PDB file of N, CA and C in Angstrom:
ATOM      1  N   MET A   1       0.765  -1.040   0.076  1.00  0.00           N
ATOM      2  CA  MET A   1       0.048   0.101  -0.106  1.00  0.00           C
ATOM      3  C   MET A   1       0.928   0.906   0.080  1.00  0.00           C
ATOM      4  N   SER A   2       0.476   2.123  -0.652  1.00  0.00           N
ATOM      5  CA  SER A   2       0.941   3.764  -0.474  1.00  0.00           C
ATOM      6  C   SER A   2       0.463   4.482  -0.031  1.00  0.00           C
ATOM      7  N   LEU A   3       1.030   5.859   0.892  1.00  0.00           N
ATOM      8  CA  LEU A   3       0.156   6.591   1.267  1.00  0.00           C
ATOM      9  C   LEU A   3       0.755   7.785   1.037  1.00  0.00           C
ATOM     10  N   GLY A   4      -0.424   8.511   0.339  1.00  0.00           N
ATOM     11  CA  GLY A   4      -0.004   9.922  -0.050  1.00  0.00           C
ATOM     12  C   GLY A   4      -0.552  10.858   1.214  1.00  0.00           C
ATOM     13  N   ALA A   5      -0.247  11.870   1.772  1.00  0.00           N
ATOM     14  CA  ALA A   5      -0.914  12.698   2.844  1.00  0.00           C
ATOM     15  C   ALA A   5      -2.029  13.672   2.143  1.00  0.00           C
ATOM     16  N   VAL A   6      -1.688  13.991   0.619  1.00  0.00           N
ATOM     17  CA  VAL A   6      -2.518  14.556  -0.299  1.00  0.00           C
ATOM     18  C   VAL A   6      -2.718  14.049  -1.527  1.00  0.00           C
ATOM     19  N   SER A   7      -4.213  13.236  -1.561  1.00  0.00           N
ATOM     20  CA  SER A   7      -4.701  12.701  -2.373  1.00  0.00           C
ATOM     21  C   SER A   7      -4.431  13.190  -3.981  1.00  0.00           C
ATOM     22  N   GLY A   8      -4.266  14.282  -4.231  1.00  0.00           N
ATOM     23  CA  GLY A   8      -4.076  14.926  -5.600  1.00  0.00           C
ATOM     24  C   GLY A   8      -2.739  14.180  -6.142  1.00  0.00           C
ATOM     25  N   TYR A   9      -1.688  13.873  -4.987  1.00  0.00           N
ATOM     26  CA  TYR A   9      -0.281  13.510  -5.590  1.00  0.00           C
ATOM     27  C   TYR A   9      -0.819  12.431  -6.159  1.00  0.00           C
ATOM     28  N   LEU A  10      -1.315  11.520  -5.073  1.00  0.00           N
ATOM     29  CA  LEU A  10      -1.732   9.961  -5.740  1.00  0.00           C
ATOM     30  C   LEU A  10      -2.575   9.719  -7.255  1.00  0.00           C
ATOM     31  N   LYS A  11      -3.349  10.909  -7.304  1.00  0.00           N
ATOM     32  CA  LYS A  11      -4.168  11.191  -8.625  1.00  0.00           C
ATOM     33  C   LYS A  11      -3.176  11.720  -9.469  1.00  0.00           C
ATOM     34  N   ALA A  12      -2.018  12.060  -9.179  1.00  0.00           N
ATOM     35  CA  ALA A  12      -1.252  12.608 -10.517  1.00  0.00           C
ATOM     36  C   ALA A  12      -0.202  11.380 -10.697  1.00  0.00           C
ATOM     37  N   VAL A  13       0.011  10.706  -9.658  1.00  0.00           N
ATOM     38  CA  VAL A  13       1.056   9.292  -9.784  1.00  0.00           C
ATOM     39  C   VAL A  13       0.067   8.576 -11.015  1.00  0.00           C
ATOM     40  N   ASP A  14      -1.255   8.275 -10.394  1.00  0.00           N
ATOM     41  CA  ASP A  14      -2.339   7.225 -10.999  1.00  0.00           C
ATOM     42  C   ASP A  14      -2.200   7.686 -12.929  1.00  0.00           C
ATOM     43  N   ARG A  15      -2.050   9.065 -12.825  1.00  0.00           N
ATOM     44  CA  ARG A  15      -2.278   9.405 -14.723  1.00  0.00           C
ATOM     45  C   ARG A  15      -1.451   9.341 -14.859  1.00  0.00           C
ATOM     46  N   LYS A  16      -0.018   9.039 -14.467  1.00  0.00           N
ATOM     47  CA  LYS A  16       1.083   8.662 -15.025  1.00  0.00           C
ATOM     48  C   LYS A  16       1.206   7.267 -15.358  1.00  0.00           C
ATOM     49  N   GLY A  17       0.621   6.561 -14.762  1.00  0.00           N
ATOM     50  CA  GLY A  17       0.833   5.156 -14.645  1.00  0.00           C
ATOM     51  C   GLY A  17       1.432   4.102 -14.000  1.00  0.00           C
ATOM     52  N   VAL A  18       2.043   5.077 -12.954  1.00  0.00           N
ATOM     53  CA  VAL A  18       3.003   4.151 -12.290  1.00  0.00           C
ATOM     54  C   VAL A  18       2.549   2.724 -11.756  1.00  0.00           C
ATOM     55  N   PRO A  19       3.334   1.896 -11.904  1.00  0.00           N
ATOM     56  CA  PRO A  19       3.050   0.636 -12.142  1.00  0.00           C
ATOM     57  C   PRO A  19       3.179   0.259 -10.155  1.00  0.00           C
ATOM     58  N   ARG A  20       1.957  -0.206  -9.481  1.00  0.00           N
ATOM     59  CA  ARG A  20       1.607  -0.653  -8.372  1.00  0.00           C
ATOM     60  C   ARG A  20       2.146  -2.129  -7.880  1.00  0.00           C
ATOM     61  N   GLY A  21       2.008  -3.063  -9.018  1.00  0.00           N
ATOM     62  CA  GLY A  21       2.634  -4.289  -8.703  1.00  0.00           C
ATOM     63  C   GLY A  21       1.522  -4.871  -7.469  1.00  0.00           C
ATOM     64  N   GLY A  22       0.283  -4.541  -7.978  1.00  0.00           N
ATOM     65  CA  GLY A  22      -1.025  -5.701  -6.958  1.00  0.00           C
ATOM     66  C   GLY A  22      -1.017  -4.388  -5.728  1.00  0.00           C
ATOM     67  N   ARG A  23      -0.109  -3.759  -5.443  1.00  0.00           N
ATOM     68  CA  ARG A  23      -0.554  -2.964  -4.160  1.00  0.00           C
ATOM     69  C   ARG A  23      -1.768  -1.640  -4.291  1.00  0.00           C
ATOM     70  N   SER A  24      -2.724  -1.677  -3.424  1.00  0.00           N
ATOM     71  CA  SER A  24      -3.535  -0.632  -3.104  1.00  0.00           C
ATOM     72  C   SER A  24      -3.162   0.922  -2.839  1.00  0.00           C
ATOM     73  N   PRO A  25      -3.370   1.791  -3.651  1.00  0.00           N
ATOM     74  CA  PRO A  25      -3.328   3.034  -3.347  1.00  0.00           C
ATOM     75  C   PRO A  25      -4.074   3.648  -2.107  1.00  0.00           C
ATOM     76  N   ALA A  26      -3.197   4.280  -1.121  1.00  0.00           N
ATOM     77  CA  ALA A  26      -4.326   5.197  -0.504  1.00  0.00           C
ATOM     78  C   ALA A  26      -4.254   6.515  -0.325  1.00  0.00           C
ATOM     79  N   GLY A  27      -5.129   7.591  -1.175  1.00  0.00           N
ATOM     80  CA  GLY A  27      -5.009   8.763  -0.917  1.00  0.00           C
ATOM     81  C   GLY A  27      -5.295   9.234   0.370  1.00  0.00           C
ATOM     82  N   CYS A  28      -4.936   9.958   0.931  1.00  0.00           N
ATOM     83  CA  CYS A  28      -5.366  10.571   2.447  1.00  0.00           C
ATOM     84  C   CYS A  28      -5.588  12.529   1.989  1.00  0.00           C
ATOM     85  N   ASP A  29      -7.004  12.474   2.751  1.00  0.00           N
ATOM     86  CA  ASP A  29      -7.183  13.976   2.685  1.00  0.00           C
ATOM     87  C   ASP A  29      -7.070  14.507   4.305  1.00  0.00           C
ATOM     88  N   SER A  30      -7.111  14.106   5.007  1.00  0.00           N
ATOM     89  CA  SER A  30      -6.401  14.659   6.359  1.00  0.00           C
ATOM     90  C   SER A  30      -5.403  13.979   7.161  1.00  0.00           C
ATOM     91  N   ILE A  31      -4.709  14.714   7.741  1.00  0.00           N
ATOM     92  CA  ILE A  31      -3.328  14.322   8.350  1.00  0.00           C
ATOM     93  C   ILE A  31      -3.931  12.911   9.368  1.00  0.00           C
ATOM     94  N   SER A  32      -5.229  13.139  10.155  1.00  0.00           N
ATOM     95  CA  SER A  32      -5.530  12.011  10.894  1.00  0.00           C
ATOM     96  C   SER A  32      -5.585  10.504  10.070  1.00  0.00           C
ATOM     97  N   GLU A  33      -6.448  10.707   8.994  1.00  0.00           N
ATOM     98  CA  GLU A  33      -6.680   9.734   7.834  1.00  0.00           C
ATOM     99  C   GLU A  33      -5.021   9.391   7.702  1.00  0.00           C
ATOM    100  N   GLY A  34      -4.218  10.529   7.037  1.00  0.00           N
ATOM    101  CA  GLY A  34      -2.835   9.261   6.869  1.00  0.00           C
ATOM    102  C   GLY A  34      -2.115   9.165   7.902  1.00  0.00           C
ATOM    103  N   LEU A  35      -2.669   9.159   9.187  1.00  0.00           N
ATOM    104  CA  LEU A  35      -1.743   8.748   9.934  1.00  0.00           C
ATOM    105  C   LEU A  35      -2.290   6.958  10.535  1.00  0.00           C
ATOM    106  N   GLN A  36      -3.717   7.031  10.400  1.00  0.00           N
ATOM    107  CA  GLN A  36      -4.441   5.768  10.358  1.00  0.00           C
ATOM    108  C   GLN A  36      -4.213   4.598   9.262  1.00  0.00           C
ATOM    109  N   VAL A  37      -3.682   5.564   8.029  1.00  0.00           N
ATOM    110  CA  VAL A  37      -3.321   4.520   6.972  1.00  0.00           C
ATOM    111  C   VAL A  37      -2.145   4.168   7.123  1.00  0.00           C
ATOM    112  N   ALA A  38      -1.388   4.748   7.897  1.00  0.00           N
ATOM    113  CA  ALA A  38       0.051   4.501   7.976  1.00  0.00           C
ATOM    114  C   ALA A  38       0.359   3.285   9.328  1.00  0.00           C
ATOM    115  N   SER A  39      -0.722   3.327  10.083  1.00  0.00           N
ATOM    116  CA  SER A  39      -0.584   2.305  11.105  1.00  0.00           C
ATOM    117  C   SER A  39      -0.916   1.195  10.791  1.00  0.00           C
ATOM    118  N   GLU A  40      -1.097   0.557   9.209  1.00  0.00           N
ATOM    119  CA  GLU A  40      -1.453  -0.836   8.704  1.00  0.00           C
ATOM    120  C   GLU A  40      -0.252  -0.807   7.808  1.00  0.00           C
ATOM    121  N   ARG A  41      -0.083  -1.722   7.244  1.00  0.00           N
ATOM    122  CA  ARG A  41       1.209  -2.311   6.734  1.00  0.00           C
ATOM    123  C   ARG A  41       1.246  -0.947   5.055  1.00  0.00           C
ATOM    124  N   ILE A  42       2.623  -0.228   5.058  1.00  0.00           N
ATOM    125  CA  ILE A  42       2.697   0.713   4.040  1.00  0.00           C
ATOM    126  C   ILE A  42       4.473   0.467   3.369  1.00  0.00           C
ATOM    127  N   ASP A  43       4.098   0.536   2.157  1.00  0.00           N
ATOM    128  CA  ASP A  43       5.314   0.543   1.698  1.00  0.00           C
ATOM    129  C   ASP A  43       5.793   2.266   1.099  1.00  0.00           C
ATOM    130  N   LEU A  44       5.415   3.148   1.109  1.00  0.00           N
ATOM    131  CA  LEU A  44       5.320   4.244   0.646  1.00  0.00           C
ATOM    132  C   LEU A  44       4.821   5.604   1.148  1.00  0.00           C
ATOM    133  N   ALA A  45       5.316   6.315   1.769  1.00  0.00           N
ATOM    134  CA  ALA A  45       4.560   7.691   2.284  1.00  0.00           C
ATOM    135  C   ALA A  45       5.269   8.707   1.540  1.00  0.00           C
ATOM    136  N   ILE A  46       4.003   9.694   1.256  1.00  0.00           N
ATOM    137  CA  ILE A  46       4.163  10.898   0.371  1.00  0.00           C
ATOM    138  C   ILE A  46       3.691  12.167   1.083  1.00  0.00           C
ATOM    139  N   SER A  47       4.288  13.121   1.899  1.00  0.00           N
ATOM    140  CA  SER A  47       3.700  14.049   2.049  1.00  0.00           C
ATOM    141  C   SER A  47       4.250  15.622   1.332  1.00  0.00           C
ATOM    142  N   ASP A  48       3.223  16.299   1.309  1.00  0.00           N
ATOM    143  CA  ASP A  48       3.437  18.048   1.297  1.00  0.00           C
ATOM    144  C   ASP A  48       4.252  18.591   2.421  1.00  0.00           C
ATOM    145  N   GLU A  49       5.054  19.433   2.390  1.00  0.00           N
ATOM    146  CA  GLU A  49       5.740  20.163   3.586  1.00  0.00           C
ATOM    147  C   GLU A  49       4.769  21.057   4.214  1.00  0.00           C
ATOM    148  N   GLN A  50       4.173  21.830   3.649  1.00  0.00           N
ATOM    149  CA  GLN A  50       3.300  22.816   3.867  1.00  0.00           C
ATOM    150  C   GLN A  50       1.696  22.271   3.770  1.00  0.00           C
ATOM    151  N   MET A  51       1.108  21.664   5.205  1.00  0.00           N
ATOM    152  CA  MET A  51      -0.263  21.570   5.015  1.00  0.00           C
ATOM    153  C   MET A  51      -0.399  22.418   6.634  1.00  0.00           C
ATOM    154  N   PRO A  52      -1.895  22.138   6.672  1.00  0.00           N
ATOM    155  CA  PRO A  52      -2.567  23.027   7.737  1.00  0.00           C
ATOM    156  C   PRO A  52      -2.933  22.089   8.839  1.00  0.00           C
ATOM    157  N   ARG A  53      -2.148  22.506  10.142  1.00  0.00           N
ATOM    158  CA  ARG A  53      -2.052  21.736  11.574  1.00  0.00           C
ATOM    159  C   ARG A  53      -1.042  21.183  11.648  1.00  0.00           C
ATOM    160  N   MET A  54      -0.753  20.640  10.668  1.00  0.00           N
ATOM    161  CA  MET A  54       1.310  20.141  10.883  1.00  0.00           C
ATOM    162  C   MET A  54       1.601  19.861   9.485  1.00  0.00           C
ATOM    163  N   ASN A  55       3.223  20.264   9.771  1.00  0.00           N
ATOM    164  CA  ASN A  55       3.857  20.132   8.792  1.00  0.00           C
ATOM    165  C   ASN A  55       4.410  18.553   8.150  1.00  0.00           C
ATOM    166  N   GLY A  56       4.327  18.741   6.935  1.00  0.00           N
ATOM    167  CA  GLY A  56       4.657  17.197   6.259  1.00  0.00           C
ATOM    168  C   GLY A  56       5.990  16.910   7.056  1.00  0.00           C
ATOM    169  N   LEU A  57       7.012  17.318   7.695  1.00  0.00           N
ATOM    170  CA  LEU A  57       8.025  16.595   8.255  1.00  0.00           C
ATOM    171  C   LEU A  57       7.397  16.309   9.648  1.00  0.00           C
ATOM    172  N   THR A  58       7.053  16.829  10.622  1.00  0.00           N
ATOM    173  CA  THR A  58       6.274  15.948  11.381  1.00  0.00           C
ATOM    174  C   THR A  58       5.199  14.686  10.884  1.00  0.00           C
ATOM    175  N   LEU A  59       4.535  14.654   9.919  1.00  0.00           N
ATOM    176  CA  LEU A  59       3.524  13.856   9.609  1.00  0.00           C
ATOM    177  C   LEU A  59       4.637  12.720   8.919  1.00  0.00           C
ATOM    178  N   LEU A  60       5.507  12.893   8.551  1.00  0.00           N
ATOM    179  CA  LEU A  60       6.167  11.942   8.064  1.00  0.00           C
ATOM    180  C   LEU A  60       7.269  11.064   9.217  1.00  0.00           C
ATOM    181  N   GLU A  61       7.935  11.797  10.187  1.00  0.00           N
ATOM    182  CA  GLU A  61       8.223  11.431  11.477  1.00  0.00           C
ATOM    183  C   GLU A  61       7.104  10.685  12.237  1.00  0.00           C
ATOM    184  N   ARG A  62       6.155  11.104  12.399  1.00  0.00           N
ATOM    185  CA  ARG A  62       5.050   9.982  12.619  1.00  0.00           C
ATOM    186  C   ARG A  62       4.668   8.772  12.078  1.00  0.00           C
ATOM    187  N   ALA A  63       4.759   8.595  10.909  1.00  0.00           N
ATOM    188  CA  ALA A  63       4.848   7.725  10.250  1.00  0.00           C
ATOM    189  C   ALA A  63       5.717   7.080  10.248  1.00  0.00           C
ATOM    190  N   ARG A  64       7.022   7.498  10.315  1.00  0.00           N
ATOM    191  CA  ARG A  64       7.864   6.444  10.478  1.00  0.00           C
ATOM    192  C   ARG A  64       8.037   5.303  11.849  1.00  0.00           C
ATOM    193  N   SER A  65       7.674   6.461  12.702  1.00  0.00           N
ATOM    194  CA  SER A  65       7.003   5.581  14.420  1.00  0.00           C
ATOM    195  C   SER A  65       6.130   4.840  14.145  1.00  0.00           C
ATOM    196  N   LEU A  66       5.052   4.535  13.243  1.00  0.00           N
ATOM    197  CA  LEU A  66       4.243   3.909  12.848  1.00  0.00           C
ATOM    198  C   LEU A  66       4.311   2.299  11.917  1.00  0.00           C
ATOM    199  N   ALA A  67       5.406   2.760  10.683  1.00  0.00           N
ATOM    200  CA  ALA A  67       5.547   2.103   9.383  1.00  0.00           C
ATOM    201  C   ALA A  67       7.298   2.191   9.438  1.00  0.00           C
ATOM    202  N   PRO A  68       8.261   1.900  10.268  1.00  0.00           N
ATOM    203  CA  PRO A  68       9.553   2.579  10.031  1.00  0.00           C
ATOM    204  C   PRO A  68      10.082   1.895   9.047  1.00  0.00           C
ATOM    205  N   GLU A  69       9.478   1.107   8.012  1.00  0.00           N
ATOM    206  CA  GLU A  69      10.407   0.150   6.948  1.00  0.00           C
ATOM    207  C   GLU A  69       9.432   1.075   5.456  1.00  0.00           C
ATOM    208  N   ALA A  70       8.954   2.068   5.823  1.00  0.00           N
ATOM    209  CA  ALA A  70       8.178   2.729   4.334  1.00  0.00           C
ATOM    210  C   ALA A  70       9.314   3.257   3.748  1.00  0.00           C
ATOM    211  N   THR A  71       9.408   3.454   2.730  1.00  0.00           N
ATOM    212  CA  THR A  71       9.889   4.901   2.388  1.00  0.00           C
ATOM    213  C   THR A  71       9.188   6.105   2.579  1.00  0.00           C
ATOM    214  N   ARG A  72      10.111   7.019   3.252  1.00  0.00           N
ATOM    215  CA  ARG A  72       9.593   8.405   3.273  1.00  0.00           C
ATOM    216  C   ARG A  72       9.600   9.500   2.039  1.00  0.00           C
ATOM    217  N   LEU A  73       8.654  10.236   1.590  1.00  0.00           N
ATOM    218  CA  LEU A  73       8.817  11.008   0.636  1.00  0.00           C
ATOM    219  C   LEU A  73       8.470  12.476   0.710  1.00  0.00           C
ATOM    220  N   LEU A  74       9.207  13.203   0.618  1.00  0.00           N
ATOM    221  CA  LEU A  74       8.740  14.677   1.200  1.00  0.00           C
ATOM    222  C   LEU A  74       8.599  15.702   0.111  1.00  0.00           C
ATOM    223  N   LEU A  75       7.460  16.209  -0.519  1.00  0.00           N
ATOM    224  CA  LEU A  75       7.911  17.352  -1.422  1.00  0.00           C
ATOM    225  C   LEU A  75       7.389  18.709  -0.790  1.00  0.00           C
ATOM    226  N   THR A  76       8.554  19.356  -1.473  1.00  0.00           N
ATOM    227  CA  THR A  76       7.936  21.050  -0.831  1.00  0.00           C
ATOM    228  C   THR A  76       7.966  22.049  -2.001  1.00  0.00           C
ATOM    229  N   GLY A  77       7.456  23.355  -1.594  1.00  0.00           N
ATOM    230  CA  GLY A  77       7.948  23.981  -2.608  1.00  0.00           C
ATOM    231  C   GLY A  77       8.649  25.251  -2.368  1.00  0.00           C
ATOM    232  N   PHE A  78       9.110  25.079  -0.873  1.00  0.00           N
ATOM    233  CA  PHE A  78      10.271  26.085  -0.783  1.00  0.00           C
ATOM    234  C   PHE A  78      11.419  25.577   0.096  1.00  0.00           C
ATOM    235  N   PRO A  79      12.323  25.483  -0.822  1.00  0.00           N
ATOM    236  CA  PRO A  79      13.599  24.779  -0.925  1.00  0.00           C
ATOM    237  C   PRO A  79      14.176  25.481   0.655  1.00  0.00           C
ATOM    238  N   ASP A  80      14.708  24.864   1.481  1.00  0.00           N
ATOM    239  CA  ASP A  80      15.289  25.354   2.251  1.00  0.00           C
ATOM    240  C   ASP A  80      16.524  24.262   3.065  1.00  0.00           C
ATOM    241  N   ALA A  81      17.672  25.251   2.874  1.00  0.00           N
ATOM    242  CA  ALA A  81      18.646  23.591   3.476  1.00  0.00           C
ATOM    243  C   ALA A  81      18.410  23.226   4.940  1.00  0.00           C
ATOM    244  N   GLU A  82      17.972  23.920   5.647  1.00  0.00           N
ATOM    245  CA  GLU A  82      17.832  23.124   7.226  1.00  0.00           C
ATOM    246  C   GLU A  82      16.938  22.719   6.997  1.00  0.00           C
ATOM    247  N   LEU A  83      15.552  22.379   6.037  1.00  0.00           N
ATOM    248  CA  LEU A  83      14.751  21.383   6.025  1.00  0.00           C
ATOM    249  C   LEU A  83      15.263  20.378   5.559  1.00  0.00           C
ATOM    250  N   VAL A  84      15.772  20.295   4.255  1.00  0.00           N
ATOM    251  CA  VAL A  84      16.696  19.308   3.554  1.00  0.00           C
ATOM    252  C   VAL A  84      17.385  18.399   4.649  1.00  0.00           C
ATOM    253  N   ARG A  85      18.324  19.234   5.278  1.00  0.00           N
ATOM    254  CA  ARG A  85      19.269  18.475   6.161  1.00  0.00           C
ATOM    255  C   ARG A  85      18.592  18.158   7.303  1.00  0.00           C
ATOM    256  N   GLU A  86      17.598  18.333   7.927  1.00  0.00           N
ATOM    257  CA  GLU A  86      17.068  17.524   8.562  1.00  0.00           C
ATOM    258  C   GLU A  86      16.135  16.382   8.646  1.00  0.00           C
ATOM    259  N   ALA A  87      15.354  16.784   7.306  1.00  0.00           N
ATOM    260  CA  ALA A  87      14.372  15.564   6.901  1.00  0.00           C
ATOM    261  C   ALA A  87      15.493  14.432   6.522  1.00  0.00           C
ATOM    262  N   LEU A  88      16.458  14.664   5.686  1.00  0.00           N
ATOM    263  CA  LEU A  88      17.381  13.532   5.236  1.00  0.00           C
ATOM    264  C   LEU A  88      18.655  13.004   6.494  1.00  0.00           C
ATOM    265  N   GLY A  89      19.060  13.758   7.238  1.00  0.00           N
ATOM    266  CA  GLY A  89      20.008  13.670   8.194  1.00  0.00           C
ATOM    267  C   GLY A  89      19.572  12.919   9.327  1.00  0.00           C
ATOM    268  N   LYS A  90      18.301  13.212   9.451  1.00  0.00           N
ATOM    269  CA  LYS A  90      17.413  12.666  10.458  1.00  0.00           C
ATOM    270  C   LYS A  90      16.965  10.993  10.383  1.00  0.00           C
ATOM    271  N   ARG A  91      16.733  10.670   8.987  1.00  0.00           N
ATOM    272  CA  ARG A  91      16.230  10.196   7.979  1.00  0.00           C
ATOM    273  C   ARG A  91      14.892   9.886   8.451  1.00  0.00           C
ATOM    274  N   ILE A  92      13.917  10.889   8.603  1.00  0.00           N
ATOM    275  CA  ILE A  92      12.794  11.027   8.549  1.00  0.00           C
ATOM    276  C   ILE A  92      12.057  11.260   7.132  1.00  0.00           C
ATOM    277  N   ALA A  93      12.988  12.011   6.176  1.00  0.00           N
ATOM    278  CA  ALA A  93      12.557  11.184   4.746  1.00  0.00           C
ATOM    279  C   ALA A  93      13.909  10.745   4.115  1.00  0.00           C
ATOM    280  N   HIS A  94      13.490   9.669   2.933  1.00  0.00           N
ATOM    281  CA  HIS A  94      14.469   9.323   2.401  1.00  0.00           C
ATOM    282  C   HIS A  94      14.809  10.070   1.217  1.00  0.00           C
ATOM    283  N   HIS A  95      13.814  10.454   0.323  1.00  0.00           N
ATOM    284  CA  HIS A  95      13.860  12.001  -0.484  1.00  0.00           C
ATOM    285  C   HIS A  95      13.135  12.966  -0.061  1.00  0.00           C
ATOM    286  N   VAL A  96      13.758  14.113  -0.425  1.00  0.00           N
ATOM    287  CA  VAL A  96      12.605  15.386  -0.849  1.00  0.00           C
ATOM    288  C   VAL A  96      12.641  15.518  -1.871  1.00  0.00           C
ATOM    289  N   MET A  97      11.866  16.036  -2.772  1.00  0.00           N
ATOM    290  CA  MET A  97      11.808  16.712  -4.297  1.00  0.00           C
ATOM    291  C   MET A  97      11.027  18.134  -4.198  1.00  0.00           C
ATOM    292  N   LEU A  98      11.559  19.121  -4.839  1.00  0.00           N
ATOM    293  CA  LEU A  98      10.773  20.404  -5.187  1.00  0.00           C
ATOM    294  C   LEU A  98      10.027  20.224  -6.224  1.00  0.00           C
ATOM    295  N   LYS A  99       8.896  21.062  -5.595  1.00  0.00           N
ATOM    296  CA  LYS A  99       7.423  21.405  -6.262  1.00  0.00           C
ATOM    297  C   LYS A  99       7.410  22.128  -7.362  1.00  0.00           C
ATOM    298  N   PRO A 100       7.030  22.492  -8.508  1.00  0.00           N
ATOM    299  CA  PRO A 100       6.700  21.713  -9.340  1.00  0.00           C
ATOM    300  C   PRO A 100       7.619  20.030  -9.398  1.00  0.00           C
ATOM    301  N   TRP A 101       6.982  19.337  -9.218  1.00  0.00           N
ATOM    302  CA  TRP A 101       7.850  17.873  -9.572  1.00  0.00           C
ATOM    303  C   TRP A 101       8.015  17.417 -10.898  1.00  0.00           C
ATOM    304  N   ASP A 102       9.243  17.114 -11.006  1.00  0.00           N
ATOM    305  CA  ASP A 102       9.093  16.598 -12.710  1.00  0.00           C
ATOM    306  C   ASP A 102       8.588  15.090 -12.698  1.00  0.00           C
ATOM    307  N   ASP A 103       7.497  15.242 -13.289  1.00  0.00           N
ATOM    308  CA  ASP A 103       6.479  13.485 -13.147  1.00  0.00           C
ATOM    309  C   ASP A 103       7.588  12.244 -13.613  1.00  0.00           C
ATOM    310  N   ALA A 104       8.765  12.526 -14.549  1.00  0.00           N
ATOM    311  CA  ALA A 104       9.749  11.368 -14.935  1.00  0.00           C
ATOM    312  C   ALA A 104      10.226  11.200 -13.641  1.00  0.00           C
ATOM    313  N   VAL A 105      10.812  11.863 -12.951  1.00  0.00           N
ATOM    314  CA  VAL A 105      11.643  11.606 -11.885  1.00  0.00           C
ATOM    315  C   VAL A 105      10.865  11.363 -10.497  1.00  0.00           C
ATOM    316  N   LEU A 106       9.597  11.911 -10.465  1.00  0.00           N
ATOM    317  CA  LEU A 106       8.831  11.267  -9.445  1.00  0.00           C
ATOM    318  C   LEU A 106       8.363   9.766  -9.900  1.00  0.00           C
ATOM    319  N   LYS A 107       7.786   9.537 -10.761  1.00  0.00           N
ATOM    320  CA  LYS A 107       7.745   7.917 -11.452  1.00  0.00           C
ATOM    321  C   LYS A 107       8.990   7.164 -11.197  1.00  0.00           C
ATOM    322  N   ALA A 108      10.209   7.231 -11.467  1.00  0.00           N
ATOM    323  CA  ALA A 108      11.039   6.741 -11.331  1.00  0.00           C
ATOM    324  C   ALA A 108      11.242   6.234  -9.862  1.00  0.00           C
ATOM    325  N   LYS A 109      11.150   7.355  -8.868  1.00  0.00           N
ATOM    326  CA  LYS A 109      11.395   7.041  -7.397  1.00  0.00           C
ATOM    327  C   LYS A 109      10.163   6.584  -6.756  1.00  0.00           C
ATOM    328  N   ILE A 110       8.810   6.228  -7.490  1.00  0.00           N
ATOM    329  CA  ILE A 110       7.822   5.246  -6.561  1.00  0.00           C
ATOM    330  C   ILE A 110       8.283   4.151  -7.567  1.00  0.00           C
ATOM    331  N   ASP A 111       8.744   3.863  -8.750  1.00  0.00           N
ATOM    332  CA  ASP A 111       8.837   2.351  -9.165  1.00  0.00           C
ATOM    333  C   ASP A 111       9.612   2.001  -8.430  1.00  0.00           C
ATOM    334  N   SER A 112      10.951   2.485  -7.985  1.00  0.00           N
ATOM    335  CA  SER A 112      12.051   1.934  -7.270  1.00  0.00           C
ATOM    336  C   SER A 112      11.398   1.378  -5.957  1.00  0.00           C
ATOM    337  N   VAL A 113      10.550   2.196  -5.193  1.00  0.00           N
ATOM    338  CA  VAL A 113      10.338   1.427  -4.274  1.00  0.00           C
ATOM    339  C   VAL A 113       9.178   0.052  -4.212  1.00  0.00           C
ATOM    340  N   LEU A 114       8.127   0.830  -5.207  1.00  0.00           N
ATOM    341  CA  LEU A 114       7.579  -0.170  -5.481  1.00  0.00           C
ATOM    342  C   LEU A 114       7.374  -1.310  -6.359  1.00  0.00           C
ATOM    343  N   GLY A 115       8.724  -1.504  -6.998  1.00  0.00           N
ATOM    344  CA  GLY A 115       9.315  -2.558  -7.633  1.00  0.00           C
ATOM    345  C   GLY A 115       8.672  -2.477  -9.147  1.00  0.00           C
ATOM    346  N   GLY A 116       8.404  -1.169  -9.640  1.00  0.00           N
ATOM    347  CA  GLY A 116       7.818  -1.321 -10.794  1.00  0.00           C
ATOM    348  C   GLY A 116       9.009  -1.143 -11.857  1.00  0.00           C
ATOM    349  N   THR A 117       8.605  -1.311 -13.168  1.00  0.00           N
ATOM    350  CA  THR A 117       9.610  -1.237 -14.163  1.00  0.00           C
ATOM    351  C   THR A 117       9.475  -0.043 -14.645  1.00  0.00           C
TER     352      THR A 117
END
């Protein structure tokens, strides 16, 4: 299963035909819904940094405690060296991508996590 904190990301990925290897995607419209899904077995968590009530780094840190084996991807429209250093240095996120993202790069990252071709 994959977790997208914002369902729009998941829809964008689906439109690009990312192979999911039989996995069920779960797009979440709220932080509480995302954390509920993360408490199940997930392979991938994708979150935006800028969200109401909780930033993406905090969400991914909580997702890490619920599903430590899941790969975590942080999307941000505001490149900040300290944010990237914290996300990657503390292993809160495995990848940080800038918005707008390049569809081919996002697809390649998701393919590598989910075993697509």
